[in-house]
Amino acid sequence: MDYPREDGSTERSHRRQLAKSTQVSPSFDDDSIDQGYVFLWDTFWELYTPEGISFSELSAWQYLTNIELTGEERKILMVLASVARGKVDYMREKYRPKPKKSK
């Protein structure tokens, strides 16, 4: 997680900032976290876009990476995407410019 991103920040610092801004506080430094969960979290961020994750994208990812997810792992990724999408929609609505009232 300490590899550099295009903007020079690390993935770890980017995710911490994201956690602060979305009020989600996962512990990225805790070695006691099951590596399966870390794998799912990393996979989620690899696949996620503000539009969510589609089943076809998930299937294509599995095919291209030759990684077969279990049904439970697929469900977890889809739930994470749904929750994140809800937050994105909420933030878009909250900060959408208000229409100017005409006189």
Protein backbone atom coordinates (compact mmCIF):
# COMPACT_ATOMS: atom_id res chain seq x y z
CA MET A 1 0.00 0.00 0.00
CA ASP A 2 2.99 2.25 0.15
CA TYR A 3 3.57 2.26 -3.58
CA PRO A 4 3.37 5.71 -5.20
CA ARG A 5 0.35 6.87 -7.15
CA GLU A 6 0.49 9.13 -10.21
CA ASP A 7 0.06 12.23 -8.04
CA GLY A 8 3.02 11.24 -5.82
CA SER A 9 0.94 10.22 -2.80
CA THR A 10 0.90 6.65 -1.58
CA GLU A 11 -2.08 4.34 -1.88
CA ARG A 12 -2.18 4.16 1.92
CA SER A 13 -2.38 7.96 2.33
CA HIS A 14 -4.96 8.19 -0.45
CA ARG A 15 -7.17 5.59 1.25
CA ARG A 16 -6.79 7.28 4.63
CA GLN A 17 -7.91 10.57 3.12
CA LEU A 18 -10.79 8.80 1.42
CA ALA A 19 -11.76 7.18 4.71
CA LYS A 20 -11.81 10.59 6.41
CA SER A 21 -13.89 12.19 3.69
CA THR A 22 -16.43 9.35 3.58
CA GLN A 23 -16.47 8.82 7.36
CA VAL A 24 -15.33 5.21 6.92
CA SER A 25 -12.43 4.33 9.16
CA PRO A 26 -10.81 1.03 8.22
CA SER A 27 -7.49 0.19 9.86
CA PHE A 28 -4.90 -0.24 7.13
CA ASP A 29 -1.99 -0.82 9.49
CA ASP A 30 -3.50 -3.63 11.57
CA ASP A 31 -1.63 -6.86 10.85
CA SER A 32 -4.40 -8.82 12.56
CA ILE A 33 -6.79 -8.19 9.65
CA ASP A 34 -7.46 -11.38 7.72
CA GLN A 35 -5.66 -11.15 4.37
CA GLY A 36 -8.85 -12.31 2.62
CA TYR A 37 -10.50 -9.07 3.67
CA VAL A 38 -7.51 -7.06 2.52
CA PHE A 39 -7.74 -8.85 -0.83
CA LEU A 40 -11.44 -7.99 -1.14
CA TRP A 41 -10.82 -4.36 -0.16
CA ASP A 42 -8.04 -4.03 -2.73
CA THR A 43 -10.18 -5.76 -5.36
CA PHE A 44 -13.07 -3.41 -4.59
CA TRP A 45 -10.90 -0.34 -5.19
CA GLU A 46 -9.46 -1.85 -8.35
CA LEU A 47 -12.94 -2.35 -9.81
CA TYR A 48 -14.99 0.49 -8.31
CA THR A 49 -16.10 3.53 -10.27
CA PRO A 50 -18.68 6.14 -9.16
CA GLU A 51 -21.17 4.21 -11.30
CA GLY A 52 -20.60 1.09 -9.19
CA ILE A 53 -19.50 -2.40 -10.22
CA SER A 54 -21.50 -4.39 -12.75
CA PHE A 55 -21.67 -8.15 -12.88
CA SER A 56 -20.17 -8.08 -16.38
CA GLU A 57 -17.19 -6.03 -15.13
CA LEU A 58 -16.74 -8.46 -12.26
CA SER A 59 -16.89 -11.44 -14.64
CA ALA A 60 -14.42 -9.82 -17.02
CA TRP A 61 -12.04 -9.06 -14.14
CA GLN A 62 -12.19 -12.68 -13.00
CA TYR A 63 -11.48 -13.88 -16.53
CA LEU A 64 -8.59 -11.47 -17.10
CA THR A 65 -6.94 -12.06 -13.73
CA ASN A 66 -7.69 -15.80 -13.67
CA ILE A 67 -9.02 -15.33 -10.13
CA GLU A 68 -12.29 -17.08 -9.32
CA LEU A 69 -14.22 -15.34 -6.56
CA THR A 70 -16.60 -17.28 -4.37
CA GLY A 71 -20.27 -16.37 -4.34
CA GLU A 72 -19.81 -14.76 -0.94
CA GLU A 73 -16.87 -12.65 -2.17
CA ARG A 74 -18.93 -11.46 -5.15
CA LYS A 75 -21.79 -10.51 -2.83
CA ILE A 76 -19.43 -8.59 -0.54
CA LEU A 77 -18.00 -6.64 -3.49
CA MET A 78 -21.46 -5.81 -4.79
CA VAL A 79 -22.65 -4.67 -1.34
CA LEU A 80 -19.55 -2.49 -0.93
CA ALA A 81 -20.22 -0.99 -4.37
CA SER A 82 -23.86 -0.36 -3.50
CA VAL A 83 -22.97 1.39 -0.24
CA ALA A 84 -20.28 3.47 -1.94
CA ARG A 85 -22.66 4.36 -4.77
CA GLY A 86 -25.24 5.53 -2.24
CA LYS A 87 -22.63 7.78 -0.64
CA VAL A 88 -21.58 9.16 -4.04
CA ASP A 89 -25.21 9.89 -4.95
CA TYR A 90 -25.77 11.55 -1.59
CA MET A 91 -22.71 13.76 -2.00
CA ARG A 92 -23.66 14.68 -5.58
CA GLU A 93 -27.12 15.72 -4.43
CA LYS A 94 -25.84 17.56 -1.37
CA TYR A 95 -23.33 19.64 -3.33
CA ARG A 96 -25.30 20.07 -6.54
CA PRO A 97 -25.56 23.75 -7.41
CA LYS A 98 -28.97 25.10 -6.52
CA PRO A 99 -30.94 26.53 -9.41
CA LYS A 100 -31.17 30.29 -9.36
CA LYS A 101 -34.63 31.60 -8.66
CA SER A 102 -36.02 33.70 -11.45
CA LYS A 103 -37.67 36.97 -10.60
